[in-house]
N, C-alpha and C. Protein backbone atom coordinates (compact mmCIF):
# COMPACT_ATOMS: atom_id res chain seq x y z
N MET A 1 -66.21 95.11 -55.10
CA MET A 1 -67.43 94.41 -55.15
C MET A 1 -67.22 92.97 -54.65
N ALA A 2 -68.31 92.73 -53.85
CA ALA A 2 -67.97 91.20 -53.30
C ALA A 2 -68.34 90.06 -53.93
N GLU A 3 -67.48 89.24 -54.03
CA GLU A 3 -67.83 87.77 -54.82
C GLU A 3 -69.04 87.15 -54.44
N GLU A 4 -69.77 86.55 -55.49
CA GLU A 4 -70.68 85.91 -55.35
C GLU A 4 -70.43 84.35 -54.92
N ARG A 5 -70.91 83.82 -53.91
CA ARG A 5 -70.58 82.50 -53.76
C ARG A 5 -71.82 82.01 -53.02
N PHE A 6 -71.71 80.37 -53.27
CA PHE A 6 -72.73 79.72 -52.73
C PHE A 6 -72.54 79.16 -51.28
N PRO A 7 -73.78 79.15 -50.33
CA PRO A 7 -73.37 78.39 -49.11
C PRO A 7 -72.95 77.06 -49.19
N GLU A 8 -72.52 76.55 -48.30
CA GLU A 8 -72.17 75.11 -48.48
C GLU A 8 -73.23 74.27 -48.79
N GLN A 9 -72.89 73.48 -49.87
CA GLN A 9 -74.06 72.60 -50.29
C GLN A 9 -74.22 71.46 -49.50
N SER A 10 -75.78 71.44 -49.33
CA SER A 10 -76.13 70.12 -48.34
C SER A 10 -76.84 69.20 -49.07
N ALA A 11 -77.44 67.92 -48.55
CA ALA A 11 -78.14 66.92 -49.22
C ALA A 11 -79.30 67.73 -49.70
N PRO A 12 -79.81 67.00 -50.87
CA PRO A 12 -81.13 67.68 -51.40
C PRO A 12 -82.08 67.43 -50.53
N LEU A 13 -82.91 68.43 -50.68
CA LEU A 13 -84.03 68.37 -49.81
C LEU A 13 -85.22 67.38 -50.36
N THR A 14 -85.95 66.85 -49.60
CA THR A 14 -87.06 65.78 -49.92
C THR A 14 -88.29 66.12 -48.96
N GLY A 15 -89.37 65.50 -49.25
CA GLY A 15 -90.40 65.82 -48.57
C GLY A 15 -90.99 67.11 -48.28
N CYS A 16 -91.45 66.70 -46.84
CA CYS A 16 -91.98 68.19 -46.12
C CYS A 16 -90.61 68.93 -45.86
N GLU A 17 -89.51 68.91 -46.20
CA GLU A 17 -88.48 69.71 -45.84
C GLU A 17 -88.37 71.09 -47.03
N LEU A 18 -89.19 70.70 -48.13
CA LEU A 18 -89.12 71.69 -49.20
C LEU A 18 -89.95 72.80 -48.78
N ASP A 19 -90.90 72.48 -47.67
CA ASP A 19 -92.05 73.51 -47.35
C ASP A 19 -91.54 74.34 -46.37
N ARG A 20 -90.16 74.35 -46.15
CA ARG A 20 -89.48 75.21 -44.97
C ARG A 20 -88.90 76.24 -45.19
N ARG A 21 -89.25 76.71 -46.43
CA ARG A 21 -88.38 77.86 -46.83
C ARG A 21 -88.53 79.15 -46.15
N ALA A 22 -87.45 79.67 -45.89
CA ALA A 22 -87.30 81.04 -45.29
C ALA A 22 -88.21 81.94 -45.75
N SER A 23 -88.62 82.10 -47.03
CA SER A 23 -89.63 83.08 -47.29
C SER A 23 -90.40 82.31 -48.72
N PRO A 24 -91.43 82.56 -48.62
CA PRO A 24 -92.47 81.54 -49.57
C PRO A 24 -92.07 82.13 -51.12
N ARG A 25 -92.44 81.05 -52.06
CA ARG A 25 -92.37 81.30 -53.32
C ARG A 25 -93.72 81.82 -53.83
N GLN A 26 -93.53 82.88 -54.80
CA GLN A 26 -94.79 83.51 -55.27
C GLN A 26 -94.69 83.08 -56.81
N ASN A 27 -95.94 83.08 -57.77
CA ASN A 27 -95.84 82.84 -58.91
C ASN A 27 -95.63 84.04 -59.85
N CYS A 28 -94.76 83.62 -60.83
CA CYS A 28 -94.34 84.93 -61.73
C CYS A 28 -94.49 84.09 -63.19
N ASN A 29 -94.01 84.89 -64.27
CA ASN A 29 -93.83 84.54 -65.51
C ASN A 29 -92.90 85.23 -66.17
N TRP A 30 -91.46 84.90 -66.09
CA TRP A 30 -90.18 85.47 -66.63
C TRP A 30 -89.60 84.38 -67.48
N GLU A 31 -88.84 85.07 -68.44
CA GLU A 31 -88.11 84.20 -69.36
C GLU A 31 -86.63 84.26 -69.19
N ALA A 32 -85.79 83.53 -69.06
CA ALA A 32 -84.20 83.46 -68.78
C ALA A 32 -83.42 82.63 -69.62
N PHE A 33 -82.31 82.95 -69.57
CA PHE A 33 -81.22 82.27 -70.53
C PHE A 33 -80.62 81.51 -69.29
N CYS A 34 -80.62 80.33 -69.26
CA CYS A 34 -79.60 79.29 -68.30
C CYS A 34 -78.61 78.91 -69.04
N ARG A 35 -77.28 79.31 -68.27
CA ARG A 35 -76.04 78.60 -68.62
C ARG A 35 -75.41 77.71 -67.34
N PRO A 36 -75.03 76.17 -67.74
CA PRO A 36 -74.42 75.53 -66.80
C PRO A 36 -73.06 76.10 -66.28
N LEU A 37 -72.74 76.16 -64.98
CA LEU A 37 -71.33 76.58 -64.84
C LEU A 37 -70.51 75.45 -64.74
N LYS A 38 -70.13 74.30 -65.89
CA LYS A 38 -69.59 73.39 -65.92
C LYS A 38 -68.54 73.18 -66.82
N ALA A 39 -67.14 72.98 -66.59
CA ALA A 39 -65.96 72.83 -67.20
C ALA A 39 -66.58 72.14 -68.68
N GLY A 40 -66.32 72.86 -69.77
CA GLY A 40 -66.69 72.24 -71.18
C GLY A 40 -68.07 72.81 -71.78
N MET A 41 -68.91 73.12 -70.76
CA MET A 41 -70.21 73.63 -71.19
C MET A 41 -70.29 75.36 -71.65
N THR A 42 -70.33 75.70 -72.92
CA THR A 42 -70.54 76.96 -73.01
C THR A 42 -71.62 77.26 -73.70
N SER A 43 -72.51 76.43 -74.11
CA SER A 43 -74.12 76.72 -74.37
C SER A 43 -75.15 76.67 -73.30
N GLY A 44 -76.02 77.39 -73.61
CA GLY A 44 -77.36 77.43 -72.71
C GLY A 44 -78.58 77.35 -73.50
N TRP A 45 -79.56 77.91 -72.94
CA TRP A 45 -80.91 77.53 -73.29
C TRP A 45 -81.95 78.26 -72.51
N ARG A 46 -83.23 78.65 -73.20
CA ARG A 46 -84.12 79.46 -72.55
C ARG A 46 -84.73 78.54 -71.74
N VAL A 47 -85.28 79.09 -70.35
CA VAL A 47 -86.06 78.48 -69.31
C VAL A 47 -87.27 79.47 -68.80
N ALA A 48 -88.23 78.85 -68.51
CA ALA A 48 -89.36 79.59 -67.80
C ALA A 48 -89.23 79.81 -66.42
N ILE A 49 -88.93 81.15 -65.70
CA ILE A 49 -89.23 81.17 -64.13
C ILE A 49 -90.33 81.34 -63.92
N VAL A 50 -90.96 80.36 -63.24
CA VAL A 50 -92.50 80.45 -62.68
C VAL A 50 -92.82 80.68 -61.21
N GLU A 51 -91.76 80.45 -60.45
CA GLU A 51 -91.72 81.16 -59.18
C GLU A 51 -90.88 81.79 -58.69
N VAL A 52 -90.71 82.62 -58.05
CA VAL A 52 -89.58 83.60 -57.05
C VAL A 52 -89.79 83.56 -55.59
N SER A 53 -88.79 83.68 -55.25
CA SER A 53 -88.68 84.07 -53.60
C SER A 53 -87.59 85.02 -53.28
N ARG A 54 -87.41 85.41 -52.20
CA ARG A 54 -86.29 86.37 -51.89
C ARG A 54 -84.90 85.55 -52.04
N GLU A 55 -84.80 83.92 -51.70
CA GLU A 55 -83.88 83.37 -51.82
C GLU A 55 -83.55 82.52 -53.17
N GLY A 56 -84.57 82.49 -53.97
CA GLY A 56 -84.50 81.45 -55.16
C GLY A 56 -85.86 81.53 -56.10
N VAL A 57 -85.60 80.67 -56.88
CA VAL A 57 -86.39 80.56 -58.20
C VAL A 57 -86.77 79.12 -58.48
N ALA A 58 -87.84 78.87 -59.07
CA ALA A 58 -88.44 77.66 -59.50
C ALA A 58 -88.23 78.05 -61.18
N MET A 59 -87.90 77.27 -61.99
CA MET A 59 -88.06 77.00 -63.34
C MET A 59 -88.13 75.94 -64.10
N ILE A 60 -88.71 76.10 -65.15
CA ILE A 60 -89.25 75.01 -66.01
C ILE A 60 -87.99 74.86 -67.32
N SER A 61 -87.55 73.81 -67.65
CA SER A 61 -86.55 73.81 -68.69
C SER A 61 -86.62 72.49 -69.36
N SER A 62 -86.24 72.52 -70.67
CA SER A 62 -86.27 71.34 -71.71
C SER A 62 -85.04 70.52 -71.45
N GLN A 63 -84.04 71.10 -70.69
CA GLN A 63 -82.98 70.15 -70.55
C GLN A 63 -82.56 69.61 -69.08
N ARG A 64 -82.07 68.55 -68.81
CA ARG A 64 -82.10 67.93 -67.71
C ARG A 64 -80.79 68.46 -67.02
N LEU A 65 -80.96 68.93 -65.54
CA LEU A 65 -79.87 69.18 -64.88
C LEU A 65 -80.14 68.53 -63.43
N GLY A 66 -79.10 68.19 -62.67
CA GLY A 66 -79.38 67.56 -61.51
C GLY A 66 -79.05 68.33 -60.28
N PRO A 67 -79.84 68.15 -59.30
CA PRO A 67 -79.32 68.80 -57.80
C PRO A 67 -78.08 68.77 -57.54
N GLY A 68 -77.45 70.09 -57.35
CA GLY A 68 -76.17 70.49 -57.00
C GLY A 68 -75.74 71.05 -57.98
N ALA A 69 -76.25 71.26 -59.01
CA ALA A 69 -75.67 71.79 -60.59
C ALA A 69 -75.76 73.36 -60.21
N ALA A 70 -74.59 74.11 -60.67
CA ALA A 70 -74.50 75.61 -60.71
C ALA A 70 -74.67 76.14 -61.84
N VAL A 71 -75.84 77.18 -61.95
CA VAL A 71 -76.09 77.73 -63.45
C VAL A 71 -76.00 79.29 -63.22
N SER A 72 -75.98 79.89 -64.39
CA SER A 72 -76.19 81.27 -64.41
C SER A 72 -77.44 81.58 -65.33
N LEU A 73 -78.16 82.50 -64.51
CA LEU A 73 -79.61 82.79 -65.34
C LEU A 73 -79.44 84.22 -65.48
N GLU A 74 -79.56 84.62 -66.63
CA GLU A 74 -79.91 86.01 -67.29
C GLU A 74 -81.32 86.22 -67.61
N LEU A 75 -81.98 87.01 -66.53
CA LEU A 75 -83.19 87.20 -66.62
C LEU A 75 -83.53 88.08 -67.99
N THR A 76 -84.73 87.80 -68.74
CA THR A 76 -84.81 88.81 -69.91
C THR A 76 -85.97 89.41 -69.74
N GLY A 77 -86.48 90.67 -70.65
CA GLY A 77 -87.41 91.38 -70.52
C GLY A 77 -87.74 92.10 -69.30
N LEU A 78 -86.54 92.46 -68.71
CA LEU A 78 -86.68 93.17 -67.36
C LEU A 78 -85.98 94.47 -67.60
N PRO A 79 -85.96 95.46 -66.35
CA PRO A 79 -85.21 96.56 -66.53
C PRO A 79 -83.76 96.47 -66.49
N SER A 80 -82.87 97.28 -66.56
CA SER A 80 -81.44 97.14 -66.83
C SER A 80 -80.89 96.50 -65.48
N ALA A 81 -81.48 96.94 -64.51
CA ALA A 81 -81.11 96.64 -63.01
C ALA A 81 -80.71 95.02 -62.94
N PHE A 82 -81.32 94.08 -63.97
CA PHE A 82 -81.47 92.72 -64.09
C PHE A 82 -80.24 92.35 -65.00
N ASP A 83 -79.59 93.27 -65.50
CA ASP A 83 -78.68 92.95 -66.66
C ASP A 83 -77.84 91.87 -66.09
N LYS A 84 -77.18 91.92 -64.95
CA LYS A 84 -76.16 91.07 -64.54
C LYS A 84 -76.63 89.69 -64.27
N PRO A 85 -76.12 88.68 -64.73
CA PRO A 85 -76.74 87.28 -64.52
C PRO A 85 -76.55 86.84 -63.03
N ARG A 86 -77.63 86.03 -62.67
CA ARG A 86 -77.67 85.72 -61.32
C ARG A 86 -77.14 84.17 -61.12
N LEU A 87 -76.32 83.66 -60.11
CA LEU A 87 -75.80 82.57 -59.85
C LEU A 87 -76.79 81.77 -59.00
N ALA A 88 -76.98 80.59 -59.44
CA ALA A 88 -77.99 79.70 -58.83
C ALA A 88 -77.64 78.14 -58.60
N ARG A 89 -78.06 77.54 -57.56
CA ARG A 89 -77.64 76.25 -57.56
C ARG A 89 -79.06 75.42 -57.51
N ILE A 90 -79.06 74.28 -58.28
CA ILE A 90 -80.50 73.57 -58.22
C ILE A 90 -80.30 72.65 -56.97
N ILE A 91 -81.47 72.59 -56.33
CA ILE A 91 -81.69 72.02 -55.17
C ILE A 91 -82.67 70.84 -55.40
N HIS A 92 -83.35 70.95 -56.06
CA HIS A 92 -84.28 69.64 -56.50
C HIS A 92 -84.63 69.96 -57.96
N ALA A 93 -84.84 68.37 -58.24
CA ALA A 93 -85.24 68.35 -59.97
C ALA A 93 -86.33 67.42 -59.99
N ARG A 94 -87.28 67.35 -60.81
CA ARG A 94 -88.46 66.57 -61.11
C ARG A 94 -89.00 66.59 -62.57
N THR A 95 -88.92 65.47 -63.40
CA THR A 95 -89.58 65.44 -64.70
C THR A 95 -91.04 65.75 -64.67
N LEU A 96 -91.45 66.61 -65.82
CA LEU A 96 -93.00 66.87 -65.80
C LEU A 96 -93.45 66.27 -66.46
N PRO A 97 -94.95 65.78 -66.50
CA PRO A 97 -95.49 64.80 -67.00
C PRO A 97 -95.74 65.10 -68.53
N TYR A 98 -95.59 66.25 -69.00
CA TYR A 98 -95.84 66.81 -70.34
C TYR A 98 -94.21 66.81 -71.13
N GLY A 99 -93.59 66.39 -70.37
CA GLY A 99 -91.94 66.38 -70.80
C GLY A 99 -91.37 67.51 -70.29
N GLY A 100 -90.14 67.88 -70.03
CA GLY A 100 -89.32 68.74 -69.72
C GLY A 100 -88.88 68.60 -68.00
N TRP A 101 -88.52 69.46 -67.46
CA TRP A 101 -87.69 69.39 -65.79
C TRP A 101 -88.51 70.56 -65.15
N TYR A 102 -88.72 70.55 -63.97
CA TYR A 102 -89.13 71.44 -63.00
C TYR A 102 -88.11 71.50 -61.90
N PHE A 103 -87.23 72.85 -61.91
CA PHE A 103 -86.01 72.99 -61.09
C PHE A 103 -86.40 73.83 -59.79
N GLY A 104 -86.12 73.53 -58.64
CA GLY A 104 -86.06 74.54 -57.49
C GLY A 104 -84.43 74.81 -57.42
N CYS A 105 -84.18 76.25 -57.26
CA CYS A 105 -82.85 76.69 -57.17
C CYS A 105 -82.84 77.69 -55.94
N SER A 106 -81.72 77.64 -55.59
CA SER A 106 -81.10 78.73 -54.55
C SER A 106 -80.54 79.65 -54.95
N LEU A 107 -80.46 80.94 -55.04
CA LEU A 107 -79.49 82.18 -55.41
C LEU A 107 -78.58 82.30 -54.61
N ALA A 108 -77.20 82.61 -55.15
CA ALA A 108 -76.07 82.64 -54.49
C ALA A 108 -76.05 84.10 -53.85
N ASN A 109 -77.20 84.96 -54.30
CA ASN A 109 -77.22 86.29 -53.85
C ASN A 109 -78.86 86.65 -53.92
N GLU A 110 -79.49 87.20 -52.78
CA GLU A 110 -80.98 87.22 -52.55
C GLU A 110 -81.27 88.25 -53.35
N PHE A 111 -82.57 88.44 -53.77
CA PHE A 111 -83.22 89.42 -54.32
C PHE A 111 -83.35 90.37 -53.29
N THR A 112 -83.50 91.80 -53.81
CA THR A 112 -83.62 92.85 -53.15
C THR A 112 -85.10 93.15 -52.86
N ASP A 113 -85.72 93.82 -51.93
CA ASP A 113 -87.22 94.13 -52.05
C ASP A 113 -87.44 94.71 -53.19
N ALA A 114 -86.83 95.73 -53.69
CA ALA A 114 -87.22 96.54 -54.97
C ALA A 114 -87.12 95.32 -56.37
N GLU A 115 -85.96 94.67 -56.04
CA GLU A 115 -86.17 93.41 -57.35
C GLU A 115 -87.29 92.62 -57.30
N LEU A 116 -87.93 92.01 -55.98
CA LEU A 116 -88.74 91.25 -55.98
C LEU A 116 -90.30 92.10 -56.21
N THR A 117 -90.17 93.36 -55.93
CA THR A 117 -91.45 94.07 -56.31
C THR A 117 -91.22 94.35 -57.93
N VAL A 118 -90.53 94.43 -58.46
CA VAL A 118 -90.33 94.33 -60.33
C VAL A 118 -90.90 92.82 -60.49
N LEU A 119 -90.18 91.97 -60.18
CA LEU A 119 -90.71 90.47 -60.53
C LEU A 119 -91.78 90.05 -60.27
N LEU A 120 -92.56 90.81 -59.18
CA LEU A 120 -93.85 90.23 -58.84
C LEU A 120 -94.90 91.09 -59.21
N GLY A 121 -94.51 92.38 -59.96
CA GLY A 121 -95.37 93.46 -60.36
C GLY A 121 -96.24 93.09 -61.38
């Protein structure tokens, strides 16, 4: 089985660069368990996955993480094909007016067509 790896990290995207995604994000509404992949951090928390594309997700979190942070996302309420956690890297983060954080994340491994169909179904 191939090891999941992230592409080389580049500077966080800003301004119009955010609109240059290879595939557009589409709205969704899924829960996930987010666990930072940082030495010494063993706990995680629930997040809402609000957008999905082939290469990434957007999520809303009560906890702050910065651009470049690596996380493990365990999608919940989905078929067993989604049981394996997904590795993601936070590309951009912003505070939300009502509290919490909005993160745009890049996945280490893209979703397949079949997975996207389920996520957007």
